[in-house]
């Protein structure tokens, strides 16, 4: 057994702006240091190797989420909002909301949406290309525009106020970092307004009679949820269902624009579109990491390292997704790769319940683009958007050639 005081230690701040801008060296250092690494800056620990990340995410009995998946420990500190019933909960409380939402976002719903979303993506792309080949910032014009067109409609939101969705989600993911972090402090200024709007949209009377939101309230009427839980489950959709998809689409557009031959390959083999999106999620990992909290002493890895009970540990999805001991040529975006097993959507009972919805959004948009655009290329330097949890682009200047 490796005593805590002899564990490898790194003076690494995972929330430093330079690390957020380029986390790959930090992730490599964590993987190289060992299966379990102390991060004294925040009196916490880190797990970054693929096998150990996957094992921790699958072992909810030892690594709980209900103490919060950010640095704040809900056992001793007050969260900034009522905890999520999915992301920040464990069985048995986690089970009913998860079961209800998995059913609502399942294959039947996606079959109903597929045709409409394909047509909506075609309209978006046709509008962009109405004057011929176009130069756009692909983040607002595509990565943000499409999810903001289709997902709020699917939930059943009204038209007004949707501009609150992205900053609300951005703050929610920033708030998983230190509370005195500059990104969190900047978001605090407007979060009450964004949070207030989101909370209002979760009320039954403000949702359309048909949609994911109405389905959640109907589940409450059937007794599958309590009526007190229903608005919090709707809130989970609005918190995690927009920003992550936006950044996933941004990741795949950047990958396809910068990887030689990738766009031509997908035009020739459109059946690779869905796998290419998952490969981009592996390669870029829009969700970089979440914390877990140990409920008992837990061995990590094969070196005898033991993580004591009651400790926060940062589980790096992104580092696992580029672990060279698991992936061949992990730093290469390869649209022909089978990325099955990546942890970009998490793993275990907390694996993203809306991942198939995100895939359908990306597939719809990419298919519409591949039909019309013969060449996709950057026209300027991309700009990162910094977030304590998300890896994202603020700007992707691109030329769409028809």
Protein backbone atom coordinates (compact mmCIF):
# COMPACT_ATOMS: atom_id res chain seq x y z
CA UNK A 1 0.00 0.00 0.00
CA UNK A 2 1.26 3.46 -0.93
CA UNK A 3 0.78 5.93 1.92
CA UNK A 4 -0.81 9.27 1.09
CA UNK A 5 2.34 11.16 2.05
CA UNK A 6 4.40 9.17 -0.48
CA UNK A 7 2.02 9.60 -3.43
CA UNK A 8 3.39 11.52 -6.41
CA UNK A 9 2.63 15.22 -6.05
CA UNK A 10 2.32 17.84 -8.78
CA UNK A 11 2.22 21.58 -8.20
CA UNK A 12 -0.37 21.86 -10.94
CA UNK A 13 -3.38 24.16 -11.03
CA UNK A 14 -5.95 22.57 -13.37
CA UNK A 15 -7.91 25.84 -13.34
CA UNK A 16 -5.02 28.08 -14.33
CA UNK A 17 -5.91 29.95 -17.56
CA UNK A 18 -2.81 28.65 -19.34
CA UNK A 19 -3.71 25.07 -18.42
CA UNK A 20 -7.30 25.62 -19.56
CA UNK A 21 -6.01 27.04 -22.85
CA UNK A 22 -3.72 24.04 -23.47
CA UNK A 23 -4.35 21.20 -20.99
CA UNK A 24 -2.50 18.49 -22.91
CA UNK A 25 0.91 18.89 -21.18
CA UNK A 26 -0.77 18.83 -17.77
CA UNK A 27 -2.72 15.71 -18.66
CA UNK A 28 0.43 13.96 -19.86
CA UNK A 29 2.23 14.92 -16.63
CA UNK A 30 -0.62 13.50 -14.55
CA UNK A 31 -0.66 10.22 -16.48
CA UNK A 32 3.12 9.92 -16.22
CA UNK A 33 3.18 10.66 -12.48
CA UNK A 34 1.09 7.66 -11.49
CA UNK A 35 -2.39 6.25 -11.14
CA UNK A 36 -3.15 8.58 -8.22
CA UNK A 37 -1.59 12.03 -7.87
CA UNK A 38 -1.83 14.61 -5.11
CA UNK A 39 -2.70 18.17 -6.13
CA UNK A 40 -1.80 20.17 -3.00
CA UNK A 41 -2.92 23.48 -4.55
CA UNK A 42 -6.52 22.51 -3.75
CA UNK A 43 -5.83 19.74 -1.22
CA UNK A 44 -7.24 17.20 -3.64
CA UNK A 45 -6.19 14.29 -5.86
CA UNK A 46 -6.26 13.41 -9.55
CA UNK A 47 -6.84 10.29 -11.65
CA UNK A 48 -5.82 10.57 -15.32
CA UNK A 49 -4.99 7.12 -16.74
CA UNK A 50 -7.65 5.47 -18.88
CA UNK A 51 -8.11 2.25 -16.90
CA UNK A 52 -8.24 4.10 -13.58
CA UNK A 53 -10.61 6.81 -14.85
CA UNK A 54 -12.97 4.21 -16.24
CA UNK A 55 -12.84 2.20 -13.02
CA UNK A 56 -13.55 5.26 -10.86
CA UNK A 57 -16.47 6.40 -13.02
CA UNK A 58 -17.98 2.92 -12.92
CA UNK A 59 -17.66 2.56 -9.12
CA UNK A 60 -20.34 4.94 -7.87
CA UNK A 61 -20.49 3.01 -4.59
CA UNK A 62 -16.94 4.20 -3.71
CA UNK A 63 -16.78 7.45 -5.69
CA UNK A 64 -19.97 9.34 -4.91
CA UNK A 65 -21.39 12.21 -6.92
CA UNK A 66 -23.91 13.43 -4.36
CA UNK A 67 -21.19 15.38 -2.55
CA UNK A 68 -20.92 17.41 -5.76
CA UNK A 69 -18.93 16.85 -8.95
CA UNK A 70 -17.07 20.12 -8.48
CA UNK A 71 -14.49 21.21 -5.93
CA UNK A 72 -17.22 22.30 -3.50
CA UNK A 73 -18.04 19.51 -1.05
CA UNK A 74 -21.80 19.49 -0.46
CA UNK A 75 -21.22 17.62 2.81
CA UNK A 76 -19.57 20.66 4.33
CA UNK A 77 -20.34 23.58 1.97
CA UNK A 78 -23.52 25.05 0.49
CA UNK A 79 -23.89 24.64 -3.29
CA UNK A 80 -24.73 27.74 -5.36
CA UNK A 81 -28.00 26.15 -6.49
CA UNK A 82 -30.04 23.03 -5.54
CA UNK A 83 -28.00 20.01 -6.68
CA UNK A 84 -28.83 18.24 -9.93
CA UNK A 85 -30.98 15.15 -9.45
CA UNK A 86 -28.90 13.34 -12.07
CA UNK A 87 -25.33 14.63 -12.12
CA UNK A 88 -25.06 15.34 -8.40
CA UNK A 89 -27.00 12.38 -7.02
CA UNK A 90 -26.45 8.69 -6.37
CA UNK A 91 -28.81 5.73 -6.02
CA UNK A 92 -31.46 5.43 -4.85
CA UNK A 93 -32.32 9.13 -5.37
CA UNK A 94 -30.65 9.16 -8.77
CA UNK A 95 -32.64 6.22 -10.15
CA UNK A 96 -36.09 7.62 -10.88
CA UNK A 97 -34.96 10.85 -12.61
CA UNK A 98 -32.43 8.89 -14.66
CA UNK A 99 -34.98 6.26 -15.73
CA UNK A 100 -37.53 8.88 -16.71
CA UNK A 101 -35.09 10.99 -18.70
CA UNK A 102 -33.51 7.97 -20.41
CA UNK A 103 -36.94 6.99 -21.67
CA UNK A 104 -37.82 10.49 -22.86
CA UNK A 105 -34.53 10.94 -24.71
CA UNK A 106 -34.51 7.40 -26.09
CA UNK A 107 -34.70 6.03 -29.66
CA UNK A 108 -38.44 6.66 -30.03
CA UNK A 109 -37.99 10.40 -29.45
CA UNK A 110 -35.02 10.54 -31.79
CA UNK A 111 -36.91 8.80 -34.60
CA UNK A 112 -39.58 11.47 -34.26
CA UNK A 113 -37.01 14.28 -34.40
CA UNK A 114 -34.63 12.97 -37.07
CA UNK A 115 -36.53 14.14 -40.14
CA UNK A 116 -37.36 17.56 -38.70
CA UNK A 117 -33.80 18.22 -37.54
CA UNK A 118 -32.37 17.17 -40.92
CA UNK A 119 -34.69 19.64 -42.66
CA UNK A 120 -33.83 22.38 -40.15
CA UNK A 121 -30.11 21.81 -40.69
CA UNK A 122 -30.59 22.04 -44.44
CA UNK A 123 -32.39 25.37 -44.04
CA UNK A 124 -29.61 26.74 -41.80
CA UNK A 125 -26.91 25.72 -44.29
CA UNK A 126 -28.92 26.97 -47.28
CA UNK A 127 -29.34 30.36 -45.64
CA UNK A 128 -25.59 30.59 -44.98
CA UNK A 129 -24.78 29.66 -48.56
CA UNK A 130 -27.52 31.68 -50.23
CA UNK A 131 -24.91 33.96 -51.78
CA UNK A 132 -22.51 31.17 -52.71
CA UNK A 133 -19.35 30.18 -50.85
CA UNK A 134 -19.21 31.93 -47.49
CA UNK A 135 -16.78 32.98 -44.79
CA UNK A 136 -18.28 32.62 -41.31
CA UNK A 137 -17.35 32.31 -37.69
CA UNK A 138 -18.41 28.69 -37.31
CA UNK A 139 -19.00 28.97 -33.56
CA UNK A 140 -21.97 31.37 -33.64
CA UNK A 141 -23.01 30.56 -37.21
CA UNK A 142 -23.09 26.76 -36.88
CA UNK A 143 -22.00 25.24 -33.55
CA UNK A 144 -24.26 27.54 -31.51
CA UNK A 145 -26.92 28.28 -34.09
CA UNK A 146 -28.12 24.76 -34.75
CA UNK A 147 -28.52 23.46 -31.16
CA UNK A 148 -30.17 26.75 -30.20
CA UNK A 149 -32.66 26.28 -33.08
CA UNK A 150 -33.68 22.70 -32.40
CA UNK A 151 -33.04 21.73 -28.77
CA UNK A 152 -35.13 24.41 -27.01
CA UNK A 153 -37.99 23.56 -29.38
CA UNK A 154 -37.65 19.88 -28.49
CA UNK A 155 -37.80 20.73 -24.79
CA UNK A 156 -40.80 22.99 -25.38
CA UNK A 157 -39.36 26.39 -24.48
CA UNK A 158 -40.88 29.65 -25.63
CA UNK A 159 -39.03 31.85 -28.11
CA UNK A 160 -38.17 34.69 -25.77
CA UNK A 161 -35.12 34.66 -23.57
CA UNK A 162 -33.17 31.80 -25.13
CA UNK A 163 -30.07 33.98 -25.00
CA UNK A 164 -29.87 33.03 -21.31
CA UNK A 165 -29.17 29.36 -22.07
CA UNK A 166 -25.50 29.52 -23.06
CA UNK A 167 -24.28 31.85 -20.28
CA UNK A 168 -26.27 29.88 -17.71
CA UNK A 169 -24.71 26.60 -18.81
CA UNK A 170 -21.29 28.21 -19.05
CA UNK A 171 -21.51 29.41 -15.44
CA UNK A 172 -22.80 26.06 -14.22
CA UNK A 173 -19.73 24.33 -15.66
CA UNK A 174 -17.39 27.07 -14.40
CA UNK A 175 -18.86 26.66 -10.91
CA UNK A 176 -17.38 23.16 -10.66
CA UNK A 177 -14.04 24.91 -10.15
CA UNK A 178 -12.87 26.96 -7.16
CA UNK A 179 -15.43 29.49 -5.96
CA UNK A 180 -12.83 32.29 -5.89
CA UNK A 181 -11.73 31.53 -9.46
CA UNK A 182 -11.82 34.51 -11.85
CA UNK A 183 -14.17 32.75 -14.28
CA UNK A 184 -16.62 31.97 -11.48
CA UNK A 185 -16.47 35.49 -10.07
CA UNK A 186 -17.10 36.95 -13.52
CA UNK A 187 -20.15 34.72 -14.00
CA UNK A 188 -21.56 35.54 -10.57
CA UNK A 189 -22.46 39.04 -11.74
CA UNK A 190 -25.28 37.86 -14.03
CA UNK A 191 -26.05 34.35 -12.87
CA UNK A 192 -29.12 35.37 -10.86
CA UNK A 193 -30.77 36.73 -14.02
CA UNK A 194 -29.86 33.68 -16.13
CA UNK A 195 -30.77 31.24 -13.36
CA UNK A 196 -34.08 33.01 -12.72
CA UNK A 197 -35.06 32.74 -16.38
CA UNK A 198 -34.09 29.06 -16.55
CA UNK A 199 -36.06 28.34 -13.40
CA UNK A 200 -39.17 29.97 -14.85
CA UNK A 201 -38.94 27.90 -18.05
CA UNK A 202 -38.98 24.69 -15.99
CA UNK A 203 -42.47 25.45 -14.68
CA UNK A 204 -45.20 23.38 -16.30
CA UNK A 205 -47.26 26.37 -17.39
CA UNK A 206 -44.32 27.84 -19.30
CA UNK A 207 -43.59 24.70 -21.34
CA UNK A 208 -45.24 23.70 -24.61
CA UNK A 209 -47.84 20.90 -24.30
CA UNK A 210 -45.64 18.64 -26.45
CA UNK A 211 -41.92 18.17 -25.82
CA UNK A 212 -39.31 16.77 -23.45
CA UNK A 213 -40.43 19.18 -20.71
CA UNK A 214 -44.08 18.16 -20.95
CA UNK A 215 -43.00 14.51 -20.96
CA UNK A 216 -41.14 15.05 -17.68
CA UNK A 217 -44.18 16.62 -16.04
CA UNK A 218 -46.35 13.77 -17.40
CA UNK A 219 -43.98 11.33 -15.71
CA UNK A 220 -44.61 13.16 -12.47
CA UNK A 221 -48.37 12.80 -13.00
CA UNK A 222 -47.88 9.05 -13.41
CA UNK A 223 -45.94 8.90 -10.17
CA UNK A 224 -42.62 8.08 -11.83
CA UNK A 225 -41.25 11.29 -10.29
CA UNK A 226 -42.51 13.66 -7.65
CA UNK A 227 -43.90 16.98 -8.81
CA UNK A 228 -41.13 18.65 -6.81
CA UNK A 229 -38.53 16.76 -8.86
CA UNK A 230 -40.00 17.58 -12.28
CA UNK A 231 -38.69 21.17 -12.64
CA UNK A 232 -35.23 20.09 -11.51
CA UNK A 233 -35.15 17.37 -14.16
CA UNK A 234 -36.18 19.92 -16.81
CA UNK A 235 -33.40 22.15 -15.47
CA UNK A 236 -30.89 19.35 -16.03
CA UNK A 237 -31.78 19.36 -19.73
CA UNK A 238 -31.26 23.10 -19.95
CA UNK A 239 -28.00 23.02 -17.98
CA UNK A 240 -26.21 20.18 -19.74
CA UNK A 241 -28.06 19.90 -23.03
CA UNK A 242 -26.84 22.99 -24.87
CA UNK A 243 -23.28 24.06 -24.06
CA UNK A 244 -21.83 20.56 -24.27
CA UNK A 245 -23.39 19.94 -27.69
CA UNK A 246 -22.27 23.35 -28.94
CA UNK A 247 -18.69 22.59 -27.94
CA UNK A 248 -18.87 19.07 -29.36
CA UNK A 249 -19.96 20.44 -32.73
CA UNK A 250 -17.25 23.09 -32.52
CA UNK A 251 -14.72 20.34 -31.85
CA UNK A 252 -15.71 18.26 -34.85
CA UNK A 253 -15.81 21.27 -37.20
CA UNK A 254 -12.32 22.30 -36.08
CA UNK A 255 -11.06 18.74 -36.45
CA UNK A 256 -12.50 18.37 -39.95
CA UNK A 257 -11.13 21.74 -41.05
CA UNK A 258 -7.61 21.07 -39.80
CA UNK A 259 -7.12 17.35 -40.50
CA UNK A 260 -5.89 16.84 -44.08
CA UNK A 261 -8.26 14.75 -46.13
CA UNK A 262 -10.89 14.39 -43.40
CA UNK A 263 -13.58 16.50 -45.09
CA UNK A 264 -13.11 14.74 -48.43
CA UNK A 265 -13.25 11.39 -46.68
CA UNK A 266 -16.60 12.17 -45.03
CA UNK A 267 -18.02 13.49 -48.30
CA UNK A 268 -17.07 10.20 -49.92
CA UNK A 269 -18.18 8.09 -46.97
CA UNK A 270 -21.03 9.87 -45.14
CA UNK A 271 -21.66 6.74 -43.09
CA UNK A 272 -18.61 7.83 -41.06
CA UNK A 273 -20.29 11.04 -39.83
CA UNK A 274 -21.58 9.68 -36.55
CA UNK A 275 -18.27 7.99 -35.69
CA UNK A 276 -16.38 11.16 -36.63
CA UNK A 277 -18.39 13.12 -34.07
CA UNK A 278 -17.60 10.58 -31.36
CA UNK A 279 -13.94 10.66 -32.39
CA UNK A 280 -13.99 14.44 -31.97
CA UNK A 281 -15.54 14.02 -28.52
CA UNK A 282 -12.70 11.63 -27.64
CA UNK A 283 -10.01 13.85 -29.17
CA UNK A 284 -11.21 17.16 -27.74
CA UNK A 285 -13.28 16.01 -24.73
CA UNK A 286 -15.71 18.95 -24.41
CA UNK A 287 -16.21 17.88 -20.77
CA UNK A 288 -12.66 17.69 -19.43
CA UNK A 289 -13.14 16.39 -15.90
CA UNK A 290 -15.48 16.06 -12.95
CA UNK A 291 -14.77 15.55 -9.26
CA UNK A 292 -15.88 12.58 -7.23
CA UNK A 293 -15.74 12.13 -3.44
CA UNK A 294 -14.62 8.90 -1.80
CA UNK A 295 -16.94 7.28 0.71
CA UNK A 296 -14.30 4.80 1.88
CA UNK A 297 -10.59 4.12 1.47
CA UNK A 298 -10.31 3.14 -2.22
CA UNK A 299 -7.35 1.48 -3.96
CA UNK A 300 -6.48 3.14 -7.28
CA UNK A 301 -4.40 1.44 -9.96
CA UNK A 302 -2.05 -1.49 -9.54
CA UNK A 303 0.62 0.24 -7.47
CA UNK A 304 -1.13 -0.10 -4.14
CA UNK A 305 -2.07 3.57 -3.95
CA UNK A 306 -5.04 4.18 -1.66
CA UNK A 307 -7.28 7.21 -1.75
CA UNK A 308 -8.59 7.93 1.76
CA UNK A 309 -12.29 8.24 2.54
CA UNK A 310 -13.89 11.65 2.32
CA UNK A 311 -11.48 13.05 -0.29
CA UNK A 312 -12.25 15.00 -3.42
CA UNK A 313 -10.59 13.56 -6.52
CA UNK A 314 -10.56 15.12 -9.98
CA UNK A 315 -11.25 12.46 -12.61
CA UNK A 316 -9.83 13.58 -15.96
CA UNK A 317 -11.98 12.33 -18.85
CA UNK A 318 -9.81 14.23 -21.33
CA UNK A 319 -6.54 12.71 -20.13
CA UNK A 320 -8.04 9.21 -20.32
CA UNK A 321 -9.24 9.88 -23.85
CA UNK A 322 -5.64 10.48 -24.98
CA UNK A 323 -3.91 7.85 -22.87
CA UNK A 324 -1.29 6.27 -25.18
CA UNK A 325 -1.48 3.04 -23.19
CA UNK A 326 -5.05 2.62 -24.39
CA UNK A 327 -5.30 4.49 -27.70
CA UNK A 328 -3.12 4.11 -30.79
CA UNK A 329 -1.83 7.49 -31.92
CA UNK A 330 -4.14 9.22 -29.43
CA UNK A 331 -3.32 12.82 -30.44
CA UNK A 332 -4.51 12.23 -34.00
CA UNK A 333 -8.11 12.89 -35.01
CA UNK A 334 -8.97 9.87 -37.14
CA UNK A 335 -12.54 9.78 -38.50
CA UNK A 336 -12.09 6.08 -39.38
CA UNK A 337 -11.17 5.14 -35.80
CA UNK A 338 -13.60 3.14 -33.68
CA UNK A 339 -13.68 5.38 -30.59
CA UNK A 340 -15.94 3.03 -28.63
CA UNK A 341 -15.07 3.10 -24.98
CA UNK A 342 -14.07 6.76 -24.86
CA UNK A 343 -15.20 8.50 -21.69
CA UNK A 344 -16.08 11.82 -23.29
CA UNK A 345 -19.69 11.25 -22.29
CA UNK A 346 -18.69 9.81 -18.92
CA UNK A 347 -19.10 6.20 -17.88
CA UNK A 348 -21.30 4.16 -15.58
CA UNK A 349 -24.58 5.36 -14.11
CA UNK A 350 -23.70 9.01 -14.72
CA UNK A 351 -22.89 8.58 -18.40
CA UNK A 352 -24.52 11.41 -20.33
CA UNK A 353 -28.21 10.58 -20.66
CA UNK A 354 -28.57 12.95 -23.61
CA UNK A 355 -25.62 11.70 -25.65
CA UNK A 356 -27.81 10.28 -28.43
CA UNK A 357 -29.56 13.62 -28.76
CA UNK A 358 -26.19 15.36 -29.11
CA UNK A 359 -25.13 12.82 -31.73
CA UNK A 360 -28.30 13.41 -33.74
CA UNK A 361 -27.81 17.18 -33.64
CA UNK A 362 -24.23 16.84 -34.86
CA UNK A 363 -25.14 14.26 -37.50
CA UNK A 364 -27.95 16.46 -38.85
CA UNK A 365 -25.76 19.53 -39.18
CA UNK A 366 -22.71 17.73 -40.59
CA UNK A 367 -24.80 15.87 -43.15
CA UNK A 368 -26.33 19.13 -44.37
CA UNK A 369 -22.88 20.71 -44.64
CA UNK A 370 -21.32 17.73 -46.41
CA UNK A 371 -24.06 17.81 -49.03
CA UNK A 372 -23.32 21.40 -50.04
CA UNK A 373 -19.79 22.27 -48.94
CA UNK A 374 -16.91 20.84 -50.99
CA UNK A 375 -14.15 22.33 -48.87
CA UNK A 376 -14.00 23.41 -45.21
CA UNK A 377 -10.97 25.41 -44.12
CA UNK A 378 -9.84 27.84 -41.45
CA UNK A 379 -9.31 31.45 -42.55
CA UNK A 380 -7.86 32.76 -39.31
CA UNK A 381 -6.54 31.79 -35.92
CA UNK A 382 -9.14 30.00 -33.77
CA UNK A 383 -9.75 31.49 -30.33
CA UNK A 384 -10.34 29.41 -27.23
CA UNK A 385 -13.23 30.00 -24.84
CA UNK A 386 -11.98 29.26 -21.32
CA UNK A 387 -14.13 27.34 -18.87
CA UNK A 388 -13.18 25.47 -15.70
CA UNK A 389 -14.77 22.23 -16.97
CA UNK A 390 -15.37 22.58 -20.69
CA UNK A 391 -12.93 22.67 -23.60
CA UNK A 392 -14.41 25.03 -26.11
CA UNK A 393 -13.88 27.44 -28.97
CA UNK A 394 -14.98 31.05 -28.83
CA UNK A 395 -14.25 31.64 -32.52
CA UNK A 396 -13.55 29.44 -35.57
CA UNK A 397 -13.13 31.61 -38.70
CA UNK A 398 -13.90 29.35 -41.66
CA UNK A 399 -14.51 29.40 -45.37
CA UNK A 400 -17.30 27.16 -46.66
CA UNK A 401 -16.65 26.51 -50.34
CA UNK A 402 -19.46 25.12 -52.48
